């Protein structure tokens, strides 16, 4: 597996700054980043090369990837991520591509589960069009997988990874679970290999799992692909025959592209409303949310949520366990509950260890100290519909227009929690600062925050706690569901380390039913994309 740690002060190839992990697959990590020379955003992919082939790959791989990427970008403008640079450093291949406006298909599947057959057919048709253009010019992708397919909000796809196949002597560099049997046998591959992988991706979209599981070691996974029988799909509906026809072990027996296209079109025609209603609405995370424009917010039913600090200190351990800060009047009723103050309106979303507990009105009748929105914010301007908020505590963030500071809680060592929201808006943002955080952000969520959340009614974590990076710093994400006065709310939390025991936690909460709405995604993207602490 590729190592995902890069020094926050180091630049890849002396030029490219890494921000956040966008997608992980076997032997491959994709990062959001920027060209430190031009300031332009980019997509940086890190691929570990076989140890016994690193020297050969160092001579061949970069040139092949760049040439093939240029060819495909000219054939499919807007559908291929144009590669601008590639380099091998210490046995690792780094490729740099233009910024992709979308979310990896693998990420959508991890977070949302299986697609309907109509939605899968829609993505499949988009992907098939790119493959047809490549095959017509003698180009085989050979490394296709859900992580190499980025889905835009309107449903179109952008494909990355062209040029990797054949760049080394390895049969498959990344995502071996999606390799065709002939690739698993290290035989010569052609367009039929990409059609197998298209079938595997369609299978994964409708079934919620790949047709052949990853067994931890590439060679073991490839053996399983080659030798094990296909598990019959049970949720593919009208796509069943097409999926099975693409996943035939003998490459000569696989369905040809015209037959596949017709099958996908028929499946889409059977339920066009479902495909349209399931518009691809990816949840963009921090670094790669920067490219998204941000619009106004849509008010929803009132969901008022307080927030608990998650700090790893003796004083703040109470907070992690009970959801309470000393001297704030917050009780330990649990995540997603409503503060008694009528002004405190909004749910929370994931950012860093913290839970929305019941709280009483702030102990200070005068209210928390305020910071006005800056009319001339530093750095780039906030997105449309947002204003930059410069907090006297030493951070800034773009908030939706009309949002204000609802609550502030502090402890003597300088730690604090600030809640932002607006009357009538069911969402909230909580910013927590700690001076005594542990050195593992995943452990903070798991050991210090989650036990307190689990004691509250209706708590359920969504997926695993994910290690990541945020602006070059170690970070971890966690998402969960809870109840707020009987209403279901969903929270995304990101915690990241500043060094010296200091850390920030960001948590965004919203009604669970509104989680996938475009307005909600844009607001979270704006928060993660604009948050800055002093000195950054």
Protein backbone atom coordinates (compact mmCIF):
# COMPACT_ATOMS: atom_id res chain seq x y z
CA UNK A 1 0.00 0.00 0.00
CA UNK A 2 1.19 3.48 -0.79
CA UNK A 3 2.32 5.49 2.20
CA UNK A 4 0.01 8.46 2.57
CA UNK A 5 2.30 10.61 4.71
CA UNK A 6 4.07 13.54 3.15
CA UNK A 7 5.78 16.31 5.07
CA UNK A 8 3.53 19.37 5.17
CA UNK A 9 6.58 21.48 4.40
CA UNK A 10 7.77 19.32 1.50
CA UNK A 11 6.79 19.67 -2.14
CA UNK A 12 6.46 16.76 -4.52
CA UNK A 13 9.13 17.17 -7.21
CA UNK A 14 9.96 20.49 -5.52
CA UNK A 15 6.79 22.03 -6.91
CA UNK A 16 3.47 20.43 -5.92
CA UNK A 17 1.90 20.98 -2.51
CA UNK A 18 -0.41 18.27 -1.16
CA UNK A 19 -3.58 19.15 0.75
CA UNK A 20 -5.93 16.25 1.30
CA UNK A 21 -6.39 12.60 0.38
CA UNK A 22 -9.19 12.42 -2.17
CA UNK A 23 -9.28 8.67 -2.83
CA UNK A 24 -7.40 5.54 -1.78
CA UNK A 25 -7.14 2.27 -3.63
CA UNK A 26 -4.71 -0.62 -3.43
CA UNK A 27 -1.26 0.79 -4.16
CA UNK A 28 -2.65 4.23 -5.06
CA UNK A 29 -3.43 7.46 -3.21
CA UNK A 30 -4.93 10.51 -4.91
CA UNK A 31 -4.46 13.97 -3.37
CA UNK A 32 -5.86 17.41 -3.90
CA UNK A 33 -3.00 19.86 -4.27
CA UNK A 34 -1.70 22.96 -5.94
CA UNK A 35 1.18 23.95 -8.15
CA UNK A 36 3.31 26.09 -5.83
CA UNK A 37 4.73 27.89 -8.87
CA UNK A 38 1.46 28.94 -10.49
CA UNK A 39 -0.99 28.57 -7.59
CA UNK A 40 -3.29 26.43 -9.74
CA UNK A 41 -5.17 23.52 -8.13
CA UNK A 42 -4.21 20.05 -9.34
CA UNK A 43 -4.82 16.38 -8.77
CA UNK A 44 -1.70 14.54 -7.57
CA UNK A 45 -1.63 10.74 -7.64
CA UNK A 46 0.91 8.61 -5.77
CA UNK A 47 1.52 5.06 -7.01
CA UNK A 48 4.01 2.64 -5.48
CA UNK A 49 6.03 0.81 -8.10
CA UNK A 50 7.21 -2.81 -7.70
CA UNK A 51 10.50 -2.76 -5.84
CA UNK A 52 12.32 -4.85 -8.43
CA UNK A 53 11.11 -2.62 -11.27
CA UNK A 54 11.52 0.85 -9.83
CA UNK A 55 14.62 1.55 -11.89
CA UNK A 56 12.99 0.53 -15.15
CA UNK A 57 9.82 2.38 -14.24
CA UNK A 58 11.85 5.48 -13.49
CA UNK A 59 12.97 5.58 -17.09
CA UNK A 60 9.71 4.65 -18.80
CA UNK A 61 6.67 5.45 -16.70
CA UNK A 62 6.59 9.29 -16.60
CA UNK A 63 6.99 9.75 -20.33
CA UNK A 64 4.39 7.10 -21.15
CA UNK A 65 1.83 8.56 -18.76
CA UNK A 66 2.29 12.09 -20.09
CA UNK A 67 2.13 11.06 -23.75
CA UNK A 68 -0.94 8.90 -23.35
CA UNK A 69 -2.64 11.51 -21.20
CA UNK A 70 -2.06 14.19 -23.81
CA UNK A 71 -3.43 11.94 -26.56
CA UNK A 72 -6.58 11.11 -24.63
CA UNK A 73 -7.18 14.68 -23.50
CA UNK A 74 -7.17 15.79 -27.15
CA UNK A 75 -9.60 12.99 -28.09
CA UNK A 76 -12.01 13.56 -25.21
CA UNK A 77 -11.75 17.18 -24.06
CA UNK A 78 -13.40 17.64 -20.69
CA UNK A 79 -13.68 13.88 -20.13
CA UNK A 80 -10.02 13.08 -19.48
CA UNK A 81 -7.88 14.65 -16.77
CA UNK A 82 -4.97 16.09 -18.77
CA UNK A 83 -1.63 15.08 -17.25
CA UNK A 84 0.81 17.96 -16.92
CA UNK A 85 3.70 16.26 -15.12
CA UNK A 86 4.95 12.89 -13.90
CA UNK A 87 8.04 11.89 -11.95
CA UNK A 88 9.44 8.88 -10.10
CA UNK A 89 10.86 9.57 -6.63
CA UNK A 90 12.20 6.79 -4.40
CA UNK A 91 10.28 4.05 -6.18
CA UNK A 92 7.03 6.00 -6.22
CA UNK A 93 5.39 7.33 -9.37
CA UNK A 94 3.76 10.74 -8.93
CA UNK A 95 1.43 12.03 -11.64
CA UNK A 96 0.02 15.55 -11.75
CA UNK A 97 -3.21 16.24 -13.61
CA UNK A 98 -5.47 19.22 -14.05
CA UNK A 99 -8.07 19.75 -11.35
CA UNK A 100 -11.09 17.45 -11.79
CA UNK A 101 -14.51 18.89 -11.03
CA UNK A 102 -16.10 15.86 -9.42
CA UNK A 103 -15.84 13.12 -6.81
CA UNK A 104 -14.32 9.65 -7.26
CA UNK A 105 -16.95 7.04 -7.99
CA UNK A 106 -15.36 4.85 -5.32
CA UNK A 107 -15.97 7.59 -2.76
CA UNK A 108 -19.64 7.88 -3.75
CA UNK A 109 -20.07 4.12 -3.41
CA UNK A 110 -18.31 4.00 -0.04
CA UNK A 111 -20.50 6.74 1.36
CA UNK A 112 -23.86 6.02 -0.25
CA UNK A 113 -23.90 2.34 -1.00
CA UNK A 114 -25.33 0.70 -4.09
CA UNK A 115 -26.86 2.69 -6.96
CA UNK A 116 -30.16 1.99 -8.66
CA UNK A 117 -29.73 0.25 -12.01
CA UNK A 118 -30.85 3.44 -13.81
CA UNK A 119 -28.22 5.54 -12.10
CA UNK A 120 -25.58 2.89 -12.75
CA UNK A 121 -26.58 2.78 -16.43
CA UNK A 122 -26.22 6.54 -16.67
CA UNK A 123 -22.67 6.48 -15.31
CA UNK A 124 -21.89 3.40 -17.41
CA UNK A 125 -22.92 5.14 -20.64
CA UNK A 126 -20.68 8.10 -19.83
CA UNK A 127 -17.75 5.81 -19.10
CA UNK A 128 -18.36 3.70 -22.21
CA UNK A 129 -18.21 6.81 -24.40
CA UNK A 130 -14.70 7.58 -23.10
CA UNK A 131 -13.56 3.99 -23.61
CA UNK A 132 -14.93 3.93 -27.16
CA UNK A 133 -12.91 7.02 -28.06
CA UNK A 134 -9.78 5.47 -26.55
CA UNK A 135 -10.23 2.09 -28.25
CA UNK A 136 -10.90 3.72 -31.62
CA UNK A 137 -7.38 5.17 -31.44
CA UNK A 138 -5.69 2.02 -30.17
CA UNK A 139 -5.47 3.07 -26.51
CA UNK A 140 -6.35 0.63 -23.72
CA UNK A 141 -6.74 2.07 -20.24
CA UNK A 142 -5.76 -1.11 -18.38
CA UNK A 143 -5.93 0.45 -14.90
CA UNK A 144 -9.58 1.43 -14.79
CA UNK A 145 -11.33 1.29 -11.40
CA UNK A 146 -13.93 3.29 -9.43
CA UNK A 147 -11.11 5.46 -8.08
CA UNK A 148 -10.08 6.48 -11.61
CA UNK A 149 -13.61 7.66 -12.49
CA UNK A 150 -14.65 11.08 -11.20
CA UNK A 151 -18.37 11.91 -11.31
CA UNK A 152 -19.55 15.48 -11.72
CA UNK A 153 -22.75 16.72 -10.16
CA UNK A 154 -24.70 16.63 -13.42
CA UNK A 155 -23.64 13.01 -14.01
CA UNK A 156 -20.83 13.32 -16.55
CA UNK A 157 -17.56 11.53 -15.81
CA UNK A 158 -13.89 12.40 -16.01
CA UNK A 159 -11.41 9.52 -16.30
CA UNK A 160 -7.86 9.49 -14.93
CA UNK A 161 -5.05 6.93 -15.05
CA UNK A 162 -4.49 6.53 -18.80
CA UNK A 163 -0.92 5.48 -19.61
CA UNK A 164 -0.22 3.47 -16.45
CA UNK A 165 -0.79 0.06 -18.06
CA UNK A 166 2.45 -1.12 -19.60
CA UNK A 167 4.52 1.55 -17.91
CA UNK A 168 6.14 -1.22 -15.83
CA UNK A 169 6.37 -4.99 -16.05
CA UNK A 170 3.69 -5.44 -13.38
CA UNK A 171 0.39 -6.83 -14.71
CA UNK A 172 -1.65 -4.34 -12.68
CA UNK A 173 -0.34 -1.42 -10.65
CA UNK A 174 -3.51 -0.37 -8.84
CA UNK A 175 -6.90 -1.80 -7.80
CA UNK A 176 -6.24 -5.48 -8.71
CA UNK A 177 -9.83 -6.43 -7.81
CA UNK A 178 -10.86 -4.75 -11.09
CA UNK A 179 -8.28 -6.48 -13.28
CA UNK A 180 -9.61 -8.83 -15.99
CA UNK A 181 -8.52 -12.50 -15.93
CA UNK A 182 -6.09 -12.04 -18.82
CA UNK A 183 -4.37 -9.26 -16.92
CA UNK A 184 -4.31 -11.44 -13.81
CA UNK A 185 -2.53 -14.07 -15.91
CA UNK A 186 -0.07 -11.41 -17.11
CA UNK A 187 -1.16 -11.85 -20.72
CA UNK A 188 -1.30 -9.15 -23.35
CA UNK A 189 -4.38 -6.98 -22.87
CA UNK A 190 -6.56 -5.00 -25.25
CA UNK A 191 -9.93 -3.22 -25.34
CA UNK A 192 -11.70 -6.32 -23.98
CA UNK A 193 -9.82 -5.77 -20.70
CA UNK A 194 -11.45 -2.37 -20.27
CA UNK A 195 -14.86 -3.88 -21.04
CA UNK A 196 -14.35 -6.43 -18.27
CA UNK A 197 -13.52 -3.62 -15.87
CA UNK A 198 -16.57 -1.66 -17.03
CA UNK A 199 -18.62 -4.73 -16.14
CA UNK A 200 -16.91 -4.94 -12.74
CA UNK A 201 -17.66 -1.27 -12.08
CA UNK A 202 -21.32 -1.72 -13.10
CA UNK A 203 -21.50 -4.76 -10.82
CA UNK A 204 -20.07 -2.74 -7.92
CA UNK A 205 -22.50 0.12 -8.50
CA UNK A 206 -25.63 -2.06 -8.40
CA UNK A 207 -24.50 -4.69 -5.88
CA UNK A 208 -22.63 -2.42 -3.49
CA UNK A 209 -19.50 -4.62 -3.59
CA UNK A 210 -17.01 -5.62 -6.30
CA UNK A 211 -17.46 -8.97 -8.07
CA UNK A 212 -14.12 -10.16 -6.65
CA UNK A 213 -12.94 -8.89 -3.31
CA UNK A 214 -9.54 -7.42 -2.56
CA UNK A 215 -7.58 -10.03 -0.60
CA UNK A 216 -4.95 -7.72 0.83
CA UNK A 217 -2.09 -8.81 -1.45
CA UNK A 218 -2.21 -7.98 -5.17
CA UNK A 219 -1.09 -11.45 -6.22
CA UNK A 220 -3.78 -13.14 -4.09
CA UNK A 221 -6.45 -10.77 -5.43
CA UNK A 222 -5.40 -11.44 -9.03
CA UNK A 223 -5.56 -15.20 -8.45
CA UNK A 224 -9.10 -14.84 -7.16
CA UNK A 225 -10.15 -12.83 -10.20
CA UNK A 226 -8.69 -15.48 -12.50
CA UNK A 227 -9.91 -18.63 -10.76
CA UNK A 228 -13.05 -17.92 -8.72
CA UNK A 229 -16.53 -18.03 -10.27
CA UNK A 230 -18.56 -14.84 -10.54
CA UNK A 231 -21.11 -14.28 -7.81
CA UNK A 232 -24.45 -13.86 -9.55
CA UNK A 233 -25.71 -10.27 -9.29
CA UNK A 234 -29.03 -9.95 -7.43
CA UNK A 235 -29.79 -6.22 -7.72
CA UNK A 236 -28.83 -5.49 -11.32
CA UNK A 237 -32.38 -5.78 -12.72
CA UNK A 238 -32.32 -5.13 -16.49
CA UNK A 239 -28.52 -4.77 -16.34
CA UNK A 240 -28.01 -8.37 -15.24
CA UNK A 241 -27.32 -9.89 -18.65
CA UNK A 242 -25.03 -7.01 -19.67
CA UNK A 243 -23.00 -7.28 -16.47
CA UNK A 244 -22.66 -11.03 -16.76
CA UNK A 245 -21.81 -10.74 -20.45
CA UNK A 246 -19.01 -8.28 -19.73
CA UNK A 247 -17.61 -10.43 -16.92
CA UNK A 248 -16.95 -13.55 -18.97
CA UNK A 249 -13.55 -15.05 -18.23
CA UNK A 250 -12.81 -15.61 -21.92
CA UNK A 251 -12.15 -12.19 -23.45
CA UNK A 252 -13.45 -13.35 -26.86
CA UNK A 253 -16.86 -14.08 -25.37
CA UNK A 254 -17.44 -10.65 -23.82
CA UNK A 255 -20.19 -8.44 -25.12
CA UNK A 256 -19.06 -5.93 -27.76
CA UNK A 257 -19.41 -2.20 -27.15
CA UNK A 258 -22.53 -1.64 -29.32
CA UNK A 259 -24.42 -4.38 -27.47
CA UNK A 260 -23.35 -2.96 -24.12
CA UNK A 261 -24.40 0.55 -25.13
CA UNK A 262 -27.82 -0.67 -26.22
CA UNK A 263 -28.30 -2.57 -22.95
CA UNK A 264 -27.37 0.45 -20.85
CA UNK A 265 -29.65 2.71 -22.88
CA UNK A 266 -32.57 0.30 -22.42
CA UNK A 267 -32.01 0.14 -18.67
CA UNK A 268 -31.91 3.90 -18.47
CA UNK A 269 -35.07 4.21 -20.58
CA UNK A 270 -36.94 1.83 -18.27
CA UNK A 271 -36.63 4.27 -15.38
CA UNK A 272 -35.48 7.70 -16.62
CA UNK A 273 -37.15 9.51 -13.72
CA UNK A 274 -35.12 7.52 -11.20
CA UNK A 275 -31.88 8.36 -12.98
CA UNK A 276 -32.77 12.05 -13.14
CA UNK A 277 -33.96 12.08 -9.55
CA UNK A 278 -30.69 10.54 -8.39
CA UNK A 279 -28.56 13.30 -9.83
CA UNK A 280 -24.98 12.75 -8.81
CA UNK A 281 -24.59 14.99 -5.79
CA UNK A 282 -21.15 14.23 -4.48
CA UNK A 283 -20.11 15.40 -1.05
CA UNK A 284 -16.90 17.28 -1.63
CA UNK A 285 -14.30 17.29 1.11
CA UNK A 286 -11.91 20.06 2.08
CA UNK A 287 -9.13 20.45 -0.46
CA UNK A 288 -11.02 19.38 -3.54
CA UNK A 289 -14.14 21.31 -2.59
CA UNK A 290 -12.35 24.56 -3.42
CA UNK A 291 -13.23 24.37 -7.08
CA UNK A 292 -16.96 24.28 -6.41
CA UNK A 293 -18.95 27.49 -6.54
CA UNK A 294 -21.20 28.12 -3.59
CA UNK A 295 -24.72 29.42 -3.70
CA UNK A 296 -27.33 30.53 -1.18
CA UNK A 297 -28.76 28.32 1.52
CA UNK A 298 -32.25 26.90 1.66
CA UNK A 299 -33.98 27.10 5.03
CA UNK A 300 -35.33 23.84 6.42
CA UNK A 301 -37.33 22.79 9.44
CA UNK A 302 -35.77 23.95 12.67
CA UNK A 303 -33.23 21.57 14.12
CA UNK A 304 -31.40 23.15 17.02
CA UNK A 305 -28.23 21.41 18.05
CA UNK A 306 -25.65 22.22 20.71
CA UNK A 307 -22.07 21.04 20.39
CA UNK A 308 -19.71 19.34 22.81
CA UNK A 309 -15.98 19.96 22.81
CA UNK A 310 -13.70 17.02 22.20
CA UNK A 311 -10.38 17.85 23.80
CA UNK A 312 -7.82 15.48 25.20
CA UNK A 313 -7.10 17.16 28.49
CA UNK A 314 -8.13 16.50 32.06
CA UNK A 315 -10.43 19.50 32.00
CA UNK A 316 -11.90 18.57 28.65
CA UNK A 317 -12.14 14.83 29.16
CA UNK A 318 -15.45 15.64 30.84
CA UNK A 319 -16.52 17.08 27.52
CA UNK A 320 -15.59 14.02 25.49
CA UNK A 321 -17.42 11.73 27.90
CA UNK A 322 -20.46 13.81 28.80
CA UNK A 323 -20.67 16.32 25.99
CA UNK A 324 -20.20 19.17 28.43
CA UNK A 325 -17.86 22.07 29.14
CA UNK A 326 -17.25 23.20 32.69
CA UNK A 327 -19.16 26.34 33.47
CA UNK A 328 -21.19 26.46 30.25
CA UNK A 329 -24.48 25.11 31.50
CA UNK A 330 -24.45 22.31 28.91
CA UNK A 331 -25.71 18.96 30.13
CA UNK A 332 -24.89 15.49 28.85
CA UNK A 333 -28.11 14.67 27.04
CA UNK A 334 -26.15 13.61 24.01
CA UNK A 335 -25.50 14.31 20.39
CA UNK A 336 -27.89 16.14 18.21
CA UNK A 337 -30.05 17.65 20.98
CA UNK A 338 -31.42 21.11 21.28
CA UNK A 339 -30.00 23.96 23.35
CA UNK A 340 -32.63 25.84 25.30
CA UNK A 341 -31.58 29.14 23.78
CA UNK A 342 -34.01 29.84 20.92
CA UNK A 343 -31.33 31.65 18.98
CA UNK A 344 -29.14 28.60 18.64
CA UNK A 345 -30.45 27.07 15.47
CA UNK A 346 -28.71 24.57 13.23
CA UNK A 347 -27.43 21.11 12.87
CA UNK A 348 -23.81 20.07 12.74
CA UNK A 349 -21.66 18.42 10.17
CA UNK A 350 -18.51 16.29 10.44
CA UNK A 351 -15.21 17.89 11.06
CA UNK A 352 -13.57 16.77 14.21
CA UNK A 353 -14.41 14.99 17.40
CA UNK A 354 -17.48 16.59 18.91
CA UNK A 355 -21.09 15.77 19.55
CA UNK A 356 -24.22 17.91 19.60
CA UNK A 357 -25.53 17.67 23.17
CA UNK A 358 -28.40 19.32 24.91
CA UNK A 359 -27.41 22.63 26.36
CA UNK A 360 -29.01 25.42 28.32
CA UNK A 361 -28.69 29.05 27.48
CA UNK A 362 -25.18 30.51 27.68
CA UNK A 363 -24.19 31.35 31.23
CA UNK A 364 -23.29 34.89 30.28
CA UNK A 365 -26.46 36.95 29.60
CA UNK A 366 -24.43 39.40 27.59
CA UNK A 367 -23.68 36.66 25.06
CA UNK A 368 -20.39 35.66 23.55
CA UNK A 369 -17.88 38.11 22.15
CA UNK A 370 -18.49 38.89 18.50
CA UNK A 371 -16.32 39.47 15.50
CA UNK A 372 -17.68 41.33 12.53
CA UNK A 373 -17.46 40.08 8.98
CA UNK A 374 -14.54 41.58 7.18
CA UNK A 375 -15.50 43.61 4.13
CA UNK A 376 -12.05 43.07 2.66
CA UNK A 377 -11.07 39.55 3.67
CA UNK A 378 -7.53 38.39 3.43
CA UNK A 379 -6.65 35.94 0.70
CA UNK A 380 -9.22 34.96 -1.89
CA UNK A 381 -12.75 36.33 -1.49
CA UNK A 382 -15.41 34.06 0.03
CA UNK A 383 -17.81 32.28 -2.34
CA UNK A 384 -20.99 34.02 -3.44
CA UNK A 385 -23.58 33.94 -0.68
CA UNK A 386 -20.94 33.81 2.06
CA UNK A 387 -19.05 36.33 4.17
CA UNK A 388 -15.69 35.93 5.83
CA UNK A 389 -15.82 35.84 9.61
CA UNK A 390 -12.61 36.82 11.44
CA UNK A 391 -12.78 35.47 14.98
CA UNK A 392 -10.86 37.25 17.75
CA UNK A 393 -9.72 33.80 18.90
CA UNK A 394 -7.44 33.58 15.87
CA UNK A 395 -9.21 31.88 12.98
CA UNK A 396 -11.37 32.84 10.03
CA UNK A 397 -13.96 31.01 7.97
CA UNK A 398 -16.55 31.80 5.30
CA UNK A 399 -20.07 31.59 6.75
CA UNK A 400 -23.40 31.67 4.90
CA UNK A 401 -24.86 35.17 4.75
CA UNK A 402 -26.97 35.81 7.85
CA UNK A 403 -25.08 33.37 10.06
CA UNK A 404 -23.70 34.58 13.36
CA UNK A 405 -22.06 33.38 16.52
CA UNK A 406 -24.66 31.57 18.61
CA UNK A 407 -22.71 30.22 21.58
CA UNK A 408 -19.22 30.23 23.06
CA UNK A 409 -17.85 27.88 25.73
CA UNK A 410 -14.35 28.05 27.23
CA UNK A 411 -12.14 26.20 29.70
CA UNK A 412 -9.31 27.76 31.75
CA UNK A 413 -6.44 26.33 29.67
CA UNK A 414 -7.53 28.35 26.63
CA UNK A 415 -9.60 25.70 24.87
CA UNK A 416 -12.94 26.81 23.49
CA UNK A 417 -15.95 25.82 21.41
CA UNK A 418 -17.87 28.26 19.20
CA UNK A 419 -21.18 27.44 17.50
CA UNK A 420 -22.35 29.28 14.38
CA UNK A 421 -25.79 29.28 12.78
CA UNK A 422 -28.83 31.37 11.95
CA UNK A 423 -32.42 31.54 13.11
CA UNK A 424 -34.58 29.40 10.88
CA UNK A 425 -31.63 27.56 9.36
CA UNK A 426 -31.46 23.94 10.58
CA UNK A 427 -27.69 23.64 10.15
CA UNK A 428 -24.83 24.52 12.50
CA UNK A 429 -21.06 24.74 12.43
CA UNK A 430 -19.04 24.14 15.59
CA UNK A 431 -15.37 25.14 15.83
CA UNK A 432 -13.42 23.62 18.72
CA UNK A 433 -9.86 24.47 19.74
CA UNK A 434 -7.73 22.36 22.08
CA UNK A 435 -4.27 22.92 23.56
CA UNK A 436 -3.77 19.34 24.77
CA UNK A 437 -4.85 17.08 21.94
CA UNK A 438 -3.37 13.64 21.47
CA UNK A 439 -1.00 12.86 18.64
CA UNK A 440 -3.39 10.58 16.72
CA UNK A 441 -6.54 12.27 15.36
CA UNK A 442 -8.20 8.90 14.70
CA UNK A 443 -7.69 7.88 18.34
CA UNK A 444 -9.20 11.16 19.54
CA UNK A 445 -12.42 10.43 17.70
CA UNK A 446 -12.47 6.77 18.69
CA UNK A 447 -11.38 6.94 22.32
CA UNK A 448 -12.34 10.40 23.54
CA UNK A 449 -15.38 11.41 21.54
CA UNK A 450 -17.32 8.38 20.41
CA UNK A 451 -17.93 6.85 23.86
CA UNK A 452 -19.82 9.99 24.89
CA UNK A 453 -21.77 10.07 21.64
CA UNK A 454 -22.70 6.40 22.00
CA UNK A 455 -24.44 7.09 25.30
CA UNK A 456 -26.86 9.45 23.61
CA UNK A 457 -30.08 8.23 22.04
CA UNK A 458 -30.09 7.33 18.39
CA UNK A 459 -26.34 7.57 17.82
CA UNK A 460 -24.92 5.56 14.92
CA UNK A 461 -21.58 6.08 13.26
CA UNK A 462 -21.54 6.05 9.45
CA UNK A 463 -18.60 4.04 8.13
CA UNK A 464 -15.16 4.04 9.68
CA UNK A 465 -13.05 6.81 11.17
CA UNK A 466 -10.88 7.93 8.28
CA UNK A 467 -7.32 9.18 8.60
CA UNK A 468 -6.65 12.00 6.14
CA UNK A 469 -4.75 15.26 5.82
CA UNK A 470 -6.04 18.81 5.88
CA UNK A 471 -3.84 21.60 4.56
CA UNK A 472 -0.84 19.34 4.98
CA UNK A 473 -1.65 18.39 8.59
CA UNK A 474 -2.64 15.06 10.11
CA UNK A 475 -6.41 14.82 10.37
CA UNK A 476 -9.30 12.39 10.76
CA UNK A 477 -12.94 12.44 9.63
CA UNK A 478 -15.96 10.86 11.27
CA UNK A 479 -19.65 10.96 10.37
CA UNK A 480 -22.61 9.94 12.48
CA UNK A 481 -26.38 10.07 12.92
CA UNK A 482 -28.15 11.20 16.08
CA UNK A 483 -31.55 12.49 17.18
CA UNK A 484 -32.55 16.08 17.93
CA UNK A 485 -35.98 16.29 19.59
CA UNK A 486 -36.97 13.21 17.66
CA UNK A 487 -35.59 14.49 14.34
CA UNK A 488 -32.73 12.64 12.70
CA UNK A 489 -29.58 14.74 12.19
CA UNK A 490 -26.31 13.89 10.50
CA UNK A 491 -22.91 15.27 11.47
CA UNK A 492 -19.57 15.35 9.67
CA UNK A 493 -16.55 16.03 11.87
CA UNK A 494 -12.97 16.80 10.95
CA UNK A 495 -10.21 17.13 13.53
CA UNK A 496 -6.68 18.19 12.57
CA UNK A 497 -3.46 18.68 14.51
CA UNK A 498 -1.45 21.91 14.61
CA UNK A 499 1.50 20.57 16.58
CA UNK A 500 2.52 21.06 20.19
CA UNK A 501 -0.73 19.48 21.42
CA UNK A 502 -2.87 22.08 19.65
CA UNK A 503 -5.75 21.06 17.39
CA UNK A 504 -8.91 22.28 15.73
CA UNK A 505 -12.15 20.41 15.26
CA UNK A 506 -14.83 21.40 12.73
CA UNK A 507 -18.28 19.86 12.89
CA UNK A 508 -21.15 20.45 10.51
CA UNK A 509 -24.65 19.19 11.37
CA UNK A 510 -27.78 19.15 9.24
CA UNK A 511 -31.10 17.28 9.09
CA UNK A 512 -30.30 13.79 7.85
CA UNK A 513 -32.81 14.06 5.02
CA UNK A 514 -31.10 17.17 3.65
CA UNK A 515 -27.59 15.72 3.72
CA UNK A 516 -27.30 15.16 -0.02
CA UNK A 517 -28.82 18.48 -1.06
CA UNK A 518 -26.62 20.62 -3.25
CA UNK A 519 -26.95 23.62 -0.93
CA UNK A 520 -25.75 21.60 2.03
CA UNK A 521 -22.78 20.17 0.10
CA UNK A 522 -21.77 23.61 -1.14
CA UNK A 523 -21.91 25.10 2.33
CA UNK A 524 -19.74 22.35 3.80
CA UNK A 525 -17.32 22.67 0.90
CA UNK A 526 -17.07 26.42 1.52
CA UNK A 527 -16.37 25.94 5.23
CA UNK A 528 -13.67 23.33 4.68
CA UNK A 529 -12.19 25.27 1.79
CA UNK A 530 -11.92 28.61 3.60
CA UNK A 531 -11.14 27.79 7.24
CA UNK A 532 -7.81 29.30 8.29
CA UNK A 533 -6.10 29.64 11.63
CA UNK A 534 -3.75 32.58 12.20
CA UNK A 535 -0.44 32.05 10.46
CA UNK A 536 -1.75 29.73 7.75
